[in-house]
Amino acid sequence: MSRKLKPTTFGMRYAVLVDYYNRPQLASDVRKAVKGDVGFVSYGRRPYLLATYTSNQREAYQTLEELSKRGFFAIIVDSQKVMLLRSVVQLPN
């Protein structure tokens, strides 16, 4: 049985994305940094991990700062230009 991918877009908000350099194991480290689930998105025809999605600019910048301090390449983007592929990345146990 195949499952169809149903990509969706966000409303007008901020998305903090992390370039994971095609190393999916980074999702676990990002999840620890943001203390929550991490999604999988497409932005500018490239895949990224979704660290957070918020309407609060301050919250977005705090997340960006925390990720940057931990050595991640993170960016804040207009979430209307982000395509959500998976709301939660499944991590191995």
PDB file of N, CA and C in Angstrom:
ATOM      1  N   MET A   1       0.850  -1.169   0.000  1.00  0.00           N
ATOM      2  CA  MET A   1       0.000   0.000   0.000  1.00  0.00           C
ATOM      3  C   MET A   1       0.901   1.239   0.000  1.00  0.00           C
ATOM      4  N   SER A   2       0.712   2.122  -0.954  1.00  0.00           N
ATOM      5  CA  SER A   2       1.532   3.334  -0.989  1.00  0.00           C
ATOM      6  C   SER A   2       0.752   4.504  -0.399  1.00  0.00           C
ATOM      7  N   ARG A   3       1.502   5.375   0.286  1.00  0.00           N
ATOM      8  CA  ARG A   3       0.883   6.558   0.879  1.00  0.00           C
ATOM      9  C   ARG A   3       1.230   7.748   0.016  1.00  0.00           C
ATOM     10  N   LYS A   4       0.241   8.554  -0.299  1.00  0.00           N
ATOM     11  CA  LYS A   4       0.467   9.739  -1.115  1.00  0.00           C
ATOM     12  C   LYS A   4       0.935  10.882  -0.229  1.00  0.00           C
ATOM     13  N   LEU A   5       1.927  11.586  -0.725  1.00  0.00           N
ATOM     14  CA  LEU A   5       2.440  12.747  -0.029  1.00  0.00           C
ATOM     15  C   LEU A   5       1.516  13.916  -0.317  1.00  0.00           C
ATOM     16  N   LYS A   6       1.077  14.602   0.727  1.00  0.00           N
ATOM     17  CA  LYS A   6       0.193  15.749   0.569  1.00  0.00           C
ATOM     18  C   LYS A   6       0.892  16.983   1.120  1.00  0.00           C
ATOM     19  N   PRO A   7       1.767  17.610   0.297  1.00  0.00           N
ATOM     20  CA  PRO A   7       2.456  18.802   0.792  1.00  0.00           C
ATOM     21  C   PRO A   7       1.470  19.934   1.058  1.00  0.00           C
ATOM     22  N   THR A   8       1.740  20.697   2.098  1.00  0.00           N
ATOM     23  CA  THR A   8       0.894  21.836   2.437  1.00  0.00           C
ATOM     24  C   THR A   8       1.772  23.050   2.695  1.00  0.00           C
ATOM     25  N   THR A   9       1.163  24.208   2.629  1.00  0.00           N
ATOM     26  CA  THR A   9       1.885  25.445   2.903  1.00  0.00           C
ATOM     27  C   THR A   9       1.380  26.046   4.201  1.00  0.00           C
ATOM     28  N   PHE A  10       2.125  27.002   4.711  1.00  0.00           N
ATOM     29  CA  PHE A  10       1.784  27.678   5.954  1.00  0.00           C
ATOM     30  C   PHE A  10       1.110  29.013   5.636  1.00  0.00           C
ATOM     31  N   GLY A  11       0.548  29.624   6.657  1.00  0.00           N
ATOM     32  CA  GLY A  11       0.017  30.978   6.526  1.00  0.00           C
ATOM     33  C   GLY A  11       1.142  31.992   6.701  1.00  0.00           C
ATOM     34  N   MET A  12       0.781  33.231   6.970  1.00  0.00           N
ATOM     35  CA  MET A  12       1.784  34.285   7.125  1.00  0.00           C
ATOM     36  C   MET A  12       2.426  34.193   8.508  1.00  0.00           C
ATOM     37  N   ARG A  13       3.612  33.622   8.557  1.00  0.00           N
ATOM     38  CA  ARG A  13       4.334  33.458   9.808  1.00  0.00           C
ATOM     39  C   ARG A  13       5.816  33.313   9.514  1.00  0.00           C
ATOM     40  N   TYR A  14       6.564  33.010  10.556  1.00  0.00           N
ATOM     41  CA  TYR A  14       8.003  32.802  10.432  1.00  0.00           C
ATOM     42  C   TYR A  14       8.305  31.311  10.548  1.00  0.00           C
ATOM     43  N   ALA A  15       9.221  30.850   9.729  1.00  0.00           N
ATOM     44  CA  ALA A  15       9.686  29.471   9.827  1.00  0.00           C
ATOM     45  C   ALA A  15      11.197  29.516  10.032  1.00  0.00           C
ATOM     46  N   VAL A  16      11.669  28.744  10.990  1.00  0.00           N
ATOM     47  CA  VAL A  16      13.106  28.617  11.212  1.00  0.00           C
ATOM     48  C   VAL A  16      13.520  27.271  10.636  1.00  0.00           C
ATOM     49  N   LEU A  17      14.373  27.336   9.631  1.00  0.00           N
ATOM     50  CA  LEU A  17      14.802  26.147   8.913  1.00  0.00           C
ATOM     51  C   LEU A  17      16.264  25.849   9.206  1.00  0.00           C
ATOM     52  N   VAL A  18      16.605  24.580   9.173  1.00  0.00           N
ATOM     53  CA  VAL A  18      17.983  24.150   9.396  1.00  0.00           C
ATOM     54  C   VAL A  18      18.438  23.348   8.186  1.00  0.00           C
ATOM     55  N   ASP A  19      19.569  23.758   7.621  1.00  0.00           N
ATOM     56  CA  ASP A  19      20.177  22.988   6.537  1.00  0.00           C
ATOM     57  C   ASP A  19      20.854  21.785   7.179  1.00  0.00           C
ATOM     58  N   TYR A  20      20.441  20.610   6.780  1.00  0.00           N
ATOM     59  CA  TYR A  20      20.969  19.408   7.411  1.00  0.00           C
ATOM     60  C   TYR A  20      22.005  18.710   6.532  1.00  0.00           C
ATOM     61  N   TYR A  21      22.383  19.327   5.433  1.00  0.00           N
ATOM     62  CA  TYR A  21      23.464  18.850   4.567  1.00  0.00           C
ATOM     63  C   TYR A  21      23.313  17.379   4.200  1.00  0.00           C
ATOM     64  N   ASN A  22      22.077  16.988   3.962  1.00  0.00           N
ATOM     65  CA  ASN A  22      21.756  15.618   3.558  1.00  0.00           C
ATOM     66  C   ASN A  22      22.235  14.585   4.585  1.00  0.00           C
ATOM     67  N   ARG A  23      22.213  14.984   5.851  1.00  0.00           N
ATOM     68  CA  ARG A  23      22.566  14.089   6.954  1.00  0.00           C
ATOM     69  C   ARG A  23      21.369  14.012   7.898  1.00  0.00           C
ATOM     70  N   PRO A  24      20.440  13.099   7.628  1.00  0.00           N
ATOM     71  CA  PRO A  24      19.200  13.017   8.406  1.00  0.00           C
ATOM     72  C   PRO A  24      19.412  12.830   9.906  1.00  0.00           C
ATOM     73  N   GLN A  25      20.558  12.285  10.309  1.00  0.00           N
ATOM     74  CA  GLN A  25      20.808  12.077  11.733  1.00  0.00           C
ATOM     75  C   GLN A  25      20.861  13.395  12.498  1.00  0.00           C
ATOM     76  N   LEU A  26      21.043  14.524  11.813  1.00  0.00           N
ATOM     77  CA  LEU A  26      21.029  15.830  12.479  1.00  0.00           C
ATOM     78  C   LEU A  26      19.659  16.171  13.054  1.00  0.00           C
ATOM     79  N   ALA A  27      18.605  15.538  12.554  1.00  0.00           N
ATOM     80  CA  ALA A  27      17.251  15.813  13.057  1.00  0.00           C
ATOM     81  C   ALA A  27      17.162  15.570  14.556  1.00  0.00           C
ATOM     82  N   SER A  28      17.836  14.549  15.032  1.00  0.00           N
ATOM     83  CA  SER A  28      17.827  14.246  16.468  1.00  0.00           C
ATOM     84  C   SER A  28      18.491  15.374  17.262  1.00  0.00           C
ATOM     85  N   ASP A  29      19.597  15.897  16.765  1.00  0.00           N
ATOM     86  CA  ASP A  29      20.299  16.995  17.439  1.00  0.00           C
ATOM     87  C   ASP A  29      19.472  18.279  17.425  1.00  0.00           C
ATOM     88  N   VAL A  30      18.807  18.537  16.313  1.00  0.00           N
ATOM     89  CA  VAL A  30      17.953  19.736  16.219  1.00  0.00           C
ATOM     90  C   VAL A  30      16.781  19.592  17.180  1.00  0.00           C
ATOM     91  N   ARG A  31      16.204  18.404  17.247  1.00  0.00           N
ATOM     92  CA  ARG A  31      15.078  18.163  18.159  1.00  0.00           C
ATOM     93  C   ARG A  31      15.479  18.441  19.611  1.00  0.00           C
ATOM     94  N   LYS A  32      16.669  18.033  19.990  1.00  0.00           N
ATOM     95  CA  LYS A  32      17.163  18.305  21.345  1.00  0.00           C
ATOM     96  C   LYS A  32      17.348  19.805  21.563  1.00  0.00           C
ATOM     97  N   ALA A  33      17.851  20.488  20.543  1.00  0.00           N
ATOM     98  CA  ALA A  33      18.112  21.928  20.660  1.00  0.00           C
ATOM     99  C   ALA A  33      16.827  22.731  20.829  1.00  0.00           C
ATOM    100  N   VAL A  34      15.769  22.336  20.112  1.00  0.00           N
ATOM    101  CA  VAL A  34      14.509  23.093  20.169  1.00  0.00           C
ATOM    102  C   VAL A  34      13.525  22.498  21.174  1.00  0.00           C
ATOM    103  N   LYS A  35      13.924  21.383  21.775  1.00  0.00           N
ATOM    104  CA  LYS A  35      13.087  20.708  22.781  1.00  0.00           C
ATOM    105  C   LYS A  35      11.687  20.402  22.258  1.00  0.00           C
ATOM    106  N   GLY A  36      11.646  19.879  21.029  1.00  0.00           N
ATOM    107  CA  GLY A  36      10.367  19.535  20.426  1.00  0.00           C
ATOM    108  C   GLY A  36      10.558  18.827  19.098  1.00  0.00           C
ATOM    109  N   ASP A  37       9.461  18.474  18.487  1.00  0.00           N
ATOM    110  CA  ASP A  37       9.493  17.774  17.211  1.00  0.00           C
ATOM    111  C   ASP A  37      10.073  18.644  16.106  1.00  0.00           C
ATOM    112  N   VAL A  38      10.626  17.992  15.109  1.00  0.00           N
ATOM    113  CA  VAL A  38      11.222  18.647  13.953  1.00  0.00           C
ATOM    114  C   VAL A  38      10.503  18.139  12.721  1.00  0.00           C
ATOM    115  N   GLY A  39      10.163  19.068  11.827  1.00  0.00           N
ATOM    116  CA  GLY A  39       9.491  18.693  10.589  1.00  0.00           C
ATOM    117  C   GLY A  39      10.462  18.645   9.420  1.00  0.00           C
ATOM    118  N   PHE A  40       9.924  18.301   8.259  1.00  0.00           N
ATOM    119  CA  PHE A  40      10.705  18.222   7.027  1.00  0.00           C
ATOM    120  C   PHE A  40       9.991  19.071   5.992  1.00  0.00           C
ATOM    121  N   VAL A  41      10.706  20.036   5.388  1.00  0.00           N
ATOM    122  CA  VAL A  41      10.084  20.975   4.465  1.00  0.00           C
ATOM    123  C   VAL A  41      10.925  21.164   3.215  1.00  0.00           C
ATOM    124  N   SER A  42      10.326  21.826   2.258  1.00  0.00           N
ATOM    125  CA  SER A  42      11.027  22.247   1.056  1.00  0.00           C
ATOM    126  C   SER A  42      10.944  23.766   0.988  1.00  0.00           C
ATOM    127  N   TYR A  43      12.076  24.381   0.708  1.00  0.00           N
ATOM    128  CA  TYR A  43      12.137  25.840   0.571  1.00  0.00           C
ATOM    129  C   TYR A  43      13.138  26.143  -0.532  1.00  0.00           C
ATOM    130  N   GLY A  44      12.702  26.881  -1.540  1.00  0.00           N
ATOM    131  CA  GLY A  44      13.589  27.181  -2.662  1.00  0.00           C
ATOM    132  C   GLY A  44      14.097  25.938  -3.355  1.00  0.00           C
ATOM    133  N   ARG A  45      13.233  24.951  -3.457  1.00  0.00           N
ATOM    134  CA  ARG A  45      13.530  23.670  -4.106  1.00  0.00           C
ATOM    135  C   ARG A  45      14.618  22.866  -3.406  1.00  0.00           C
ATOM    136  N   ARG A  46      14.832  23.146  -2.113  1.00  0.00           N
ATOM    137  CA  ARG A  46      15.805  22.409  -1.322  1.00  0.00           C
ATOM    138  C   ARG A  46      15.128  21.889  -0.061  1.00  0.00           C
ATOM    139  N   PRO A  47      15.567  20.727   0.417  1.00  0.00           N
ATOM    140  CA  PRO A  47      15.003  20.192   1.664  1.00  0.00           C
ATOM    141  C   PRO A  47      15.673  20.807   2.888  1.00  0.00           C
ATOM    142  N   TYR A  48      14.884  21.024   3.924  1.00  0.00           N
ATOM    143  CA  TYR A  48      15.363  21.557   5.200  1.00  0.00           C
ATOM    144  C   TYR A  48      14.614  20.873   6.331  1.00  0.00           C
ATOM    145  N   LEU A  49      15.204  20.938   7.508  1.00  0.00           N
ATOM    146  CA  LEU A  49      14.487  20.552   8.713  1.00  0.00           C
ATOM    147  C   LEU A  49      13.756  21.785   9.223  1.00  0.00           C
ATOM    148  N   LEU A  50      12.539  21.610   9.665  1.00  0.00           N
ATOM    149  CA  LEU A  50      11.736  22.699  10.230  1.00  0.00           C
ATOM    150  C   LEU A  50      11.905  22.675  11.742  1.00  0.00           C
ATOM    151  N   ALA A  51      12.634  23.657  12.268  1.00  0.00           N
ATOM    152  CA  ALA A  51      12.874  23.725  13.709  1.00  0.00           C
ATOM    153  C   ALA A  51      11.671  24.297  14.439  1.00  0.00           C
ATOM    154  N   THR A  52      11.077  25.356  13.864  1.00  0.00           N
ATOM    155  CA  THR A  52       9.884  25.940  14.465  1.00  0.00           C
ATOM    156  C   THR A  52       9.128  26.745  13.417  1.00  0.00           C
ATOM    157  N   TYR A  53       7.870  26.970  13.740  1.00  0.00           N
ATOM    158  CA  TYR A  53       6.955  27.736  12.905  1.00  0.00           C
ATOM    159  C   TYR A  53       6.126  28.567  13.865  1.00  0.00           C
ATOM    160  N   THR A  54       6.195  29.898  13.728  1.00  0.00           N
ATOM    161  CA  THR A  54       5.543  30.753  14.719  1.00  0.00           C
ATOM    162  C   THR A  54       5.132  32.080  14.102  1.00  0.00           C
ATOM    163  N   SER A  55       4.166  32.737  14.727  1.00  0.00           N
ATOM    164  CA  SER A  55       3.791  34.095  14.316  1.00  0.00           C
ATOM    165  C   SER A  55       4.545  35.129  15.150  1.00  0.00           C
ATOM    166  N   ASN A  56       5.299  34.657  16.142  1.00  0.00           N
ATOM    167  CA  ASN A  56       6.013  35.532  17.058  1.00  0.00           C
ATOM    168  C   ASN A  56       7.455  35.720  16.575  1.00  0.00           C
ATOM    169  N   GLN A  57       7.776  36.920  16.119  1.00  0.00           N
ATOM    170  CA  GLN A  57       9.099  37.203  15.571  1.00  0.00           C
ATOM    171  C   GLN A  57      10.200  36.975  16.612  1.00  0.00           C
ATOM    172  N   ARG A  58       9.958  37.401  17.832  1.00  0.00           N
ATOM    173  CA  ARG A  58      10.955  37.233  18.900  1.00  0.00           C
ATOM    174  C   ARG A  58      11.257  35.756  19.138  1.00  0.00           C
ATOM    175  N   GLU A  59      10.217  34.937  19.166  1.00  0.00           N
ATOM    176  CA  GLU A  59      10.405  33.501  19.357  1.00  0.00           C
ATOM    177  C   GLU A  59      11.238  32.900  18.219  1.00  0.00           C
ATOM    178  N   ALA A  60      10.952  33.328  16.997  1.00  0.00           N
ATOM    179  CA  ALA A  60      11.707  32.834  15.844  1.00  0.00           C
ATOM    180  C   ALA A  60      13.185  33.199  15.969  1.00  0.00           C
ATOM    181  N   TYR A  61      13.473  34.432  16.361  1.00  0.00           N
ATOM    182  CA  TYR A  61      14.865  34.854  16.501  1.00  0.00           C
ATOM    183  C   TYR A  61      15.561  34.160  17.668  1.00  0.00           C
ATOM    184  N   GLN A  62      14.846  33.884  18.740  1.00  0.00           N
ATOM    185  CA  GLN A  62      15.443  33.154  19.862  1.00  0.00           C
ATOM    186  C   GLN A  62      15.819  31.734  19.440  1.00  0.00           C
ATOM    187  N   THR A  63      14.954  31.107  18.666  1.00  0.00           N
ATOM    188  CA  THR A  63      15.252  29.764  18.165  1.00  0.00           C
ATOM    189  C   THR A  63      16.448  29.803  17.230  1.00  0.00           C
ATOM    190  N   LEU A  64      16.475  30.787  16.346  1.00  0.00           N
ATOM    191  CA  LEU A  64      17.600  30.949  15.425  1.00  0.00           C
ATOM    192  C   LEU A  64      18.912  31.122  16.199  1.00  0.00           C
ATOM    193  N   GLU A  65      18.885  31.949  17.212  1.00  0.00           N
ATOM    194  CA  GLU A  65      20.074  32.201  18.020  1.00  0.00           C
ATOM    195  C   GLU A  65      20.545  30.929  18.726  1.00  0.00           C
ATOM    196  N   GLU A  66      19.618  30.190  19.299  1.00  0.00           N
ATOM    197  CA  GLU A  66      19.972  28.952  19.998  1.00  0.00           C
ATOM    198  C   GLU A  66      20.593  27.938  19.035  1.00  0.00           C
ATOM    199  N   LEU A  67      19.997  27.790  17.876  1.00  0.00           N
ATOM    200  CA  LEU A  67      20.531  26.847  16.891  1.00  0.00           C
ATOM    201  C   LEU A  67      21.907  27.278  16.405  1.00  0.00           C
ATOM    202  N   SER A  68      22.077  28.569  16.171  1.00  0.00           N
ATOM    203  CA  SER A  68      23.368  29.090  15.715  1.00  0.00           C
ATOM    204  C   SER A  68      24.448  28.871  16.763  1.00  0.00           C
ATOM    205  N   LYS A  69      24.105  29.083  18.044  1.00  0.00           N
ATOM    206  CA  LYS A  69      25.071  28.852  19.127  1.00  0.00           C
ATOM    207  C   LYS A  69      25.529  27.400  19.159  1.00  0.00           C
ATOM    208  N   ARG A  70      24.653  26.501  18.742  1.00  0.00           N
ATOM    209  CA  ARG A  70      24.979  25.068  18.754  1.00  0.00           C
ATOM    210  C   ARG A  70      25.627  24.610  17.449  1.00  0.00           C
ATOM    211  N   GLY A  71      25.896  25.544  16.550  1.00  0.00           N
ATOM    212  CA  GLY A  71      26.629  25.210  15.334  1.00  0.00           C
ATOM    213  C   GLY A  71      25.801  24.829  14.127  1.00  0.00           C
ATOM    214  N   PHE A  72      24.488  25.000  14.195  1.00  0.00           N
ATOM    215  CA  PHE A  72      23.633  24.685  13.046  1.00  0.00           C
ATOM    216  C   PHE A  72      23.562  25.874  12.102  1.00  0.00           C
ATOM    217  N   PHE A  73      23.421  25.597  10.813  1.00  0.00           N
ATOM    218  CA  PHE A  73      23.164  26.660   9.848  1.00  0.00           C
ATOM    219  C   PHE A  73      21.654  26.801   9.753  1.00  0.00           C
ATOM    220  N   ALA A  74      21.114  27.826  10.405  1.00  0.00           N
ATOM    221  CA  ALA A  74      19.663  28.035  10.465  1.00  0.00           C
ATOM    222  C   ALA A  74      19.316  29.380   9.836  1.00  0.00           C
ATOM    223  N   ILE A  75      18.124  29.452   9.269  1.00  0.00           N
ATOM    224  CA  ILE A  75      17.633  30.683   8.647  1.00  0.00           C
ATOM    225  C   ILE A  75      16.177  30.900   9.041  1.00  0.00           C
ATOM    226  N   ILE A  76      15.771  32.158   9.040  1.00  0.00           N
ATOM    227  CA  ILE A  76      14.357  32.510   9.228  1.00  0.00           C
ATOM    228  C   ILE A  76      13.816  32.921   7.875  1.00  0.00           C
ATOM    229  N   VAL A  77      12.681  32.351   7.502  1.00  0.00           N
ATOM    230  CA  VAL A  77      12.084  32.655   6.211  1.00  0.00           C
ATOM    231  C   VAL A  77      10.590  32.922   6.368  1.00  0.00           C
ATOM    232  N   ASP A  78      10.019  33.516   5.351  1.00  0.00           N
ATOM    233  CA  ASP A  78       8.574  33.718   5.268  1.00  0.00           C
ATOM    234  C   ASP A  78       7.937  32.348   5.059  1.00  0.00           C
ATOM    235  N   SER A  79       7.162  31.907   6.001  1.00  0.00           N
ATOM    236  CA  SER A  79       6.628  30.552   5.940  1.00  0.00           C
ATOM    237  C   SER A  79       5.657  30.327   4.778  1.00  0.00           C
ATOM    238  N   GLN A  80       5.188  31.393   4.161  1.00  0.00           N
ATOM    239  CA  GLN A  80       4.318  31.219   2.998  1.00  0.00           C
ATOM    240  C   GLN A  80       5.082  30.604   1.826  1.00  0.00           C
ATOM    241  N   LYS A  81       6.398  30.680   1.871  1.00  0.00           N
ATOM    242  CA  LYS A  81       7.226  30.135   0.792  1.00  0.00           C
ATOM    243  C   LYS A  81       7.783  28.767   1.131  1.00  0.00           C
ATOM    244  N   VAL A  82       7.287  28.183   2.216  1.00  0.00           N
ATOM    245  CA  VAL A  82       7.745  26.878   2.685  1.00  0.00           C
ATOM    246  C   VAL A  82       6.665  25.843   2.409  1.00  0.00           C
ATOM    247  N   MET A  83       7.093  24.699   1.900  1.00  0.00           N
ATOM    248  CA  MET A  83       6.165  23.593   1.656  1.00  0.00           C
ATOM    249  C   MET A  83       6.430  22.503   2.692  1.00  0.00           C
ATOM    250  N   LEU A  84       5.434  22.246   3.540  1.00  0.00           N
ATOM    251  CA  LEU A  84       5.563  21.211   4.563  1.00  0.00           C
ATOM    252  C   LEU A  84       5.423  19.838   3.917  1.00  0.00           C
ATOM    253  N   LEU A  85       6.428  19.002   4.095  1.00  0.00           N
ATOM    254  CA  LEU A  85       6.396  17.651   3.551  1.00  0.00           C
ATOM    255  C   LEU A  85       6.034  16.632   4.630  1.00  0.00           C
ATOM    256  N   ARG A  86       6.598  16.824   5.826  1.00  0.00           N
ATOM    257  CA  ARG A  86       6.275  15.965   6.981  1.00  0.00           C
ATOM    258  C   ARG A  86       6.264  16.849   8.219  1.00  0.00           C
ATOM    259  N   SER A  87       5.210  16.745   8.992  1.00  0.00           N
ATOM    260  CA  SER A  87       5.115  17.585  10.184  1.00  0.00           C
ATOM    261  C   SER A  87       6.063  17.117  11.287  1.00  0.00           C
ATOM    262  N   VAL A  88       6.391  15.828  11.292  1.00  0.00           N
ATOM    263  CA  VAL A  88       7.331  15.290  12.271  1.00  0.00           C
ATOM    264  C   VAL A  88       8.247  14.301  11.574  1.00  0.00           C
ATOM    265  N   VAL A  89       9.547  14.507  11.726  1.00  0.00           N
ATOM    266  CA  VAL A  89      10.528  13.578  11.185  1.00  0.00           C
ATOM    267  C   VAL A  89      10.596  12.375  12.110  1.00  0.00           C
ATOM    268  N   GLN A  90      10.445  11.184  11.542  1.00  0.00           N
ATOM    269  CA  GLN A  90      10.522   9.950  12.334  1.00  0.00           C
ATOM    270  C   GLN A  90      11.978   9.632  12.600  1.00  0.00           C
ATOM    271  N   LEU A  91      12.340   9.540  13.867  1.00  0.00           N
ATOM    272  CA  LEU A  91      13.716   9.260  14.245  1.00  0.00           C
ATOM    273  C   LEU A  91      13.819   7.829  14.730  1.00  0.00           C
ATOM    274  N   PRO A  92      14.950   7.167  14.427  1.00  0.00           N
ATOM    275  CA  PRO A  92      15.107   5.797  14.919  1.00  0.00           C
ATOM    276  C   PRO A  92      15.226   5.759  16.430  1.00  0.00           C
ATOM    277  N   ASN A  93      14.738   4.707  17.038  1.00  0.00           N
ATOM    278  CA  ASN A  93      14.796   4.566  18.504  1.00  0.00           C
ATOM    279  C   ASN A  93      16.172   4.199  18.966  1.00  0.00           C
TER     280      ASN A  93
END
